[in-house]
């Protein structure tokens, strides 16, 4: 069994993930003012993000950062679920 190398996070991004053999960097780097995560599903900020990102066209060669970010925010359409 060959273990794939860990993905490097690109500058300005917070997460990196290997999906289908490709590395994808996504998410805003840094912490919120409170020191917690910027990503908190089920909040007003999350709903606003889901509504904005729902309008972005699907990418032609998945995986793409928008899909991974929407998964992280737990988006269902233009709403974020807890």
N, C-alpha and C. Protein backbone atom coordinates (compact mmCIF):
# COMPACT_ATOMS: atom_id res chain seq x y z
N UNK A 1 0.84 -1.18 0.00
CA UNK A 1 0.00 0.00 0.00
C UNK A 1 0.88 1.25 0.00
N UNK A 2 0.62 2.16 -0.90
CA UNK A 2 1.38 3.40 -1.00
C UNK A 2 0.62 4.50 -0.28
N UNK A 3 1.30 5.17 0.65
CA UNK A 3 0.68 6.26 1.39
C UNK A 3 0.98 7.56 0.67
N UNK A 4 -0.07 8.32 0.34
CA UNK A 4 0.11 9.57 -0.37
C UNK A 4 0.70 10.63 0.56
N UNK A 5 1.53 11.51 -0.01
CA UNK A 5 2.13 12.58 0.76
C UNK A 5 1.06 13.54 1.25
N UNK A 6 1.27 14.13 2.42
CA UNK A 6 0.31 15.08 2.98
C UNK A 6 0.28 16.34 2.11
N UNK A 7 -0.89 16.91 1.93
CA UNK A 7 -1.05 18.11 1.11
C UNK A 7 -0.54 19.35 1.83
N UNK A 8 0.07 20.26 1.06
CA UNK A 8 0.52 21.53 1.60
C UNK A 8 -0.61 22.55 1.46
N UNK A 9 -0.77 23.37 2.47
CA UNK A 9 -1.78 24.43 2.43
C UNK A 9 -1.22 25.61 1.66
N UNK A 10 -1.95 26.11 0.67
CA UNK A 10 -1.50 27.26 -0.09
C UNK A 10 -1.59 28.52 0.76
N UNK A 11 -0.82 29.54 0.40
CA UNK A 11 -0.80 30.79 1.14
C UNK A 11 -2.20 31.41 1.19
N UNK A 12 -2.62 31.84 2.37
CA UNK A 12 -3.92 32.49 2.51
C UNK A 12 -5.06 31.52 2.74
N UNK A 13 -4.78 30.23 2.75
CA UNK A 13 -5.81 29.21 2.95
C UNK A 13 -5.57 28.49 4.27
N UNK A 14 -6.61 27.89 4.82
CA UNK A 14 -6.50 27.27 6.13
C UNK A 14 -6.41 25.75 6.07
N UNK A 15 -7.13 25.14 5.15
CA UNK A 15 -7.19 23.68 5.08
C UNK A 15 -6.64 23.18 3.75
N UNK A 16 -6.15 21.96 3.77
CA UNK A 16 -5.73 21.28 2.54
C UNK A 16 -6.19 19.84 2.66
N UNK A 17 -6.69 19.30 1.56
CA UNK A 17 -7.28 17.97 1.59
C UNK A 17 -6.99 17.28 0.27
N UNK A 18 -6.73 15.99 0.33
CA UNK A 18 -6.53 15.21 -0.89
C UNK A 18 -7.86 14.56 -1.26
N UNK A 19 -8.36 14.90 -2.44
CA UNK A 19 -9.62 14.35 -2.92
C UNK A 19 -9.38 13.75 -4.30
N UNK A 20 -9.60 12.48 -4.43
CA UNK A 20 -9.42 11.82 -5.72
C UNK A 20 -8.02 11.98 -6.29
N UNK A 21 -7.01 11.97 -5.43
CA UNK A 21 -5.63 12.08 -5.89
C UNK A 21 -5.13 13.49 -6.09
N UNK A 22 -6.00 14.49 -5.99
CA UNK A 22 -5.60 15.89 -6.14
C UNK A 22 -5.65 16.60 -4.80
N UNK A 23 -4.75 17.57 -4.61
CA UNK A 23 -4.77 18.37 -3.39
C UNK A 23 -5.59 19.63 -3.63
N UNK A 24 -6.44 19.97 -2.66
CA UNK A 24 -7.27 21.17 -2.74
C UNK A 24 -7.05 21.97 -1.47
N UNK A 25 -6.71 23.26 -1.62
CA UNK A 25 -6.61 24.17 -0.48
C UNK A 25 -7.84 25.05 -0.47
N UNK A 26 -8.43 25.23 0.71
CA UNK A 26 -9.65 26.02 0.79
C UNK A 26 -9.78 26.62 2.18
N UNK A 27 -10.71 27.57 2.33
CA UNK A 27 -10.99 28.19 3.62
C UNK A 27 -10.10 29.39 3.88
N UNK A 28 -10.65 30.38 4.57
CA UNK A 28 -9.91 31.59 4.90
C UNK A 28 -8.95 31.31 6.04
N UNK A 29 -7.72 31.74 5.90
CA UNK A 29 -6.70 31.50 6.92
C UNK A 29 -6.96 32.35 8.15
N UNK A 30 -6.44 31.91 9.27
CA UNK A 30 -6.51 32.68 10.50
C UNK A 30 -7.70 32.31 11.37
N UNK A 31 -7.82 33.01 12.47
CA UNK A 31 -8.89 32.77 13.44
C UNK A 31 -9.86 33.95 13.44
N UNK A 32 -11.03 33.76 14.04
CA UNK A 32 -11.99 34.85 14.22
C UNK A 32 -11.49 35.76 15.34
N UNK A 33 -12.08 36.95 15.48
CA UNK A 33 -11.66 37.89 16.53
C UNK A 33 -11.73 37.26 17.91
N UNK A 34 -12.74 36.41 18.11
CA UNK A 34 -12.92 35.77 19.41
C UNK A 34 -11.87 34.69 19.68
N UNK A 35 -11.11 34.34 18.65
CA UNK A 35 -10.08 33.32 18.80
C UNK A 35 -10.54 31.94 18.36
N UNK A 36 -11.84 31.82 18.07
CA UNK A 36 -12.39 30.53 17.64
C UNK A 36 -12.29 30.34 16.14
N UNK A 37 -12.98 29.33 15.65
CA UNK A 37 -13.02 29.07 14.22
C UNK A 37 -13.82 30.12 13.47
N UNK A 38 -13.40 30.42 12.25
CA UNK A 38 -14.18 31.31 11.39
C UNK A 38 -15.42 30.57 10.89
N UNK A 39 -15.27 29.28 10.76
CA UNK A 39 -16.35 28.47 10.21
C UNK A 39 -17.20 27.90 11.34
N UNK A 40 -18.42 28.40 11.45
CA UNK A 40 -19.38 27.87 12.42
C UNK A 40 -20.71 27.66 11.71
N UNK A 41 -21.00 26.44 11.32
CA UNK A 41 -22.26 26.16 10.62
C UNK A 41 -23.47 26.54 11.45
N UNK A 42 -24.54 26.97 10.75
CA UNK A 42 -25.78 27.32 11.42
C UNK A 42 -25.84 28.76 11.91
N UNK A 43 -24.88 29.60 11.52
CA UNK A 43 -24.87 31.00 11.94
C UNK A 43 -25.29 31.88 10.77
N UNK A 44 -25.52 33.18 11.05
CA UNK A 44 -25.88 34.13 9.99
C UNK A 44 -24.76 34.22 8.95
N UNK A 45 -23.52 34.25 9.44
CA UNK A 45 -22.36 34.34 8.54
C UNK A 45 -22.32 33.12 7.62
N UNK A 46 -22.63 31.96 8.17
CA UNK A 46 -22.62 30.73 7.38
C UNK A 46 -23.73 30.77 6.33
N UNK A 47 -24.92 31.27 6.70
CA UNK A 47 -26.02 31.38 5.74
C UNK A 47 -25.64 32.32 4.60
N UNK A 48 -24.98 33.43 4.93
CA UNK A 48 -24.56 34.39 3.91
C UNK A 48 -23.55 33.74 2.98
N UNK A 49 -22.60 32.97 3.54
CA UNK A 49 -21.61 32.29 2.72
C UNK A 49 -22.27 31.29 1.78
N UNK A 50 -23.20 30.50 2.32
CA UNK A 50 -23.88 29.48 1.51
C UNK A 50 -24.68 30.10 0.37
N UNK A 51 -25.34 31.22 0.65
CA UNK A 51 -26.11 31.91 -0.38
C UNK A 51 -25.20 32.42 -1.50
N UNK A 52 -24.03 32.99 -1.11
CA UNK A 52 -23.07 33.50 -2.10
C UNK A 52 -22.47 32.38 -2.92
N UNK A 53 -22.04 31.33 -2.24
CA UNK A 53 -21.31 30.26 -2.92
C UNK A 53 -22.23 29.37 -3.76
N UNK A 54 -23.53 29.39 -3.48
CA UNK A 54 -24.48 28.60 -4.27
C UNK A 54 -24.56 29.13 -5.70
N UNK A 55 -24.22 30.40 -5.89
CA UNK A 55 -24.29 31.03 -7.22
C UNK A 55 -23.05 30.78 -8.06
N UNK A 56 -22.01 30.21 -7.46
CA UNK A 56 -20.77 29.91 -8.19
C UNK A 56 -21.00 28.65 -9.02
N UNK A 57 -20.62 28.72 -10.30
CA UNK A 57 -20.81 27.56 -11.18
C UNK A 57 -19.97 26.38 -10.73
N UNK A 58 -20.47 25.19 -10.99
CA UNK A 58 -19.74 23.96 -10.66
C UNK A 58 -18.46 23.93 -11.51
N UNK A 59 -17.38 23.44 -10.93
CA UNK A 59 -16.12 23.41 -11.67
C UNK A 59 -16.10 22.25 -12.66
N UNK A 60 -15.31 22.41 -13.71
CA UNK A 60 -15.25 21.40 -14.78
C UNK A 60 -14.39 20.21 -14.41
N UNK A 61 -13.37 20.43 -13.59
CA UNK A 61 -12.49 19.31 -13.20
C UNK A 61 -12.40 19.22 -11.68
N UNK A 62 -13.38 18.52 -11.07
CA UNK A 62 -13.38 18.38 -9.61
C UNK A 62 -12.13 17.67 -9.13
N UNK A 63 -11.73 17.79 -7.90
CA UNK A 63 -12.40 18.51 -6.81
C UNK A 63 -12.11 20.01 -6.88
N UNK A 64 -13.02 20.82 -6.35
CA UNK A 64 -12.77 22.25 -6.33
C UNK A 64 -12.98 22.81 -4.93
N UNK A 65 -12.36 23.94 -4.67
CA UNK A 65 -12.35 24.54 -3.35
C UNK A 65 -13.76 24.93 -2.90
N UNK A 66 -14.59 25.41 -3.82
CA UNK A 66 -15.94 25.82 -3.45
C UNK A 66 -16.74 24.65 -2.89
N UNK A 67 -16.62 23.50 -3.49
CA UNK A 67 -17.32 22.31 -3.03
C UNK A 67 -16.87 21.92 -1.64
N UNK A 68 -15.56 21.94 -1.41
CA UNK A 68 -15.02 21.58 -0.10
C UNK A 68 -15.43 22.58 0.97
N UNK A 69 -15.43 23.87 0.63
CA UNK A 69 -15.83 24.90 1.59
C UNK A 69 -17.31 24.75 1.94
N UNK A 70 -18.13 24.49 0.93
CA UNK A 70 -19.57 24.30 1.19
C UNK A 70 -19.81 23.08 2.08
N UNK A 71 -19.01 22.05 1.90
CA UNK A 71 -19.12 20.86 2.76
C UNK A 71 -18.74 21.22 4.20
N UNK A 72 -17.69 22.04 4.35
CA UNK A 72 -17.23 22.43 5.68
C UNK A 72 -18.27 23.29 6.41
N UNK A 73 -18.96 24.18 5.65
CA UNK A 73 -19.99 25.05 6.21
C UNK A 73 -21.32 24.31 6.38
N UNK A 74 -21.40 23.07 5.90
CA UNK A 74 -22.63 22.26 5.94
C UNK A 74 -23.78 22.95 5.20
N UNK A 75 -23.50 23.40 3.98
CA UNK A 75 -24.50 24.10 3.18
C UNK A 75 -25.48 23.13 2.54
N UNK A 76 -26.75 23.49 2.60
CA UNK A 76 -27.81 22.79 1.87
C UNK A 76 -28.54 23.87 1.10
N UNK A 77 -28.26 23.97 -0.20
CA UNK A 77 -28.80 25.08 -0.98
C UNK A 77 -28.18 26.38 -0.52
N UNK A 78 -28.99 27.34 -0.09
CA UNK A 78 -28.44 28.62 0.36
C UNK A 78 -28.50 28.78 1.88
N UNK A 79 -28.68 27.68 2.60
CA UNK A 79 -28.73 27.71 4.07
C UNK A 79 -27.65 26.81 4.64
N UNK A 80 -27.19 27.15 5.83
CA UNK A 80 -26.19 26.35 6.54
C UNK A 80 -26.89 25.59 7.68
N UNK A 81 -26.66 24.31 7.74
CA UNK A 81 -27.29 23.48 8.78
C UNK A 81 -26.33 23.26 9.93
N UNK A 82 -26.85 23.02 11.09
CA UNK A 82 -26.01 22.75 12.28
C UNK A 82 -25.49 21.38 12.27
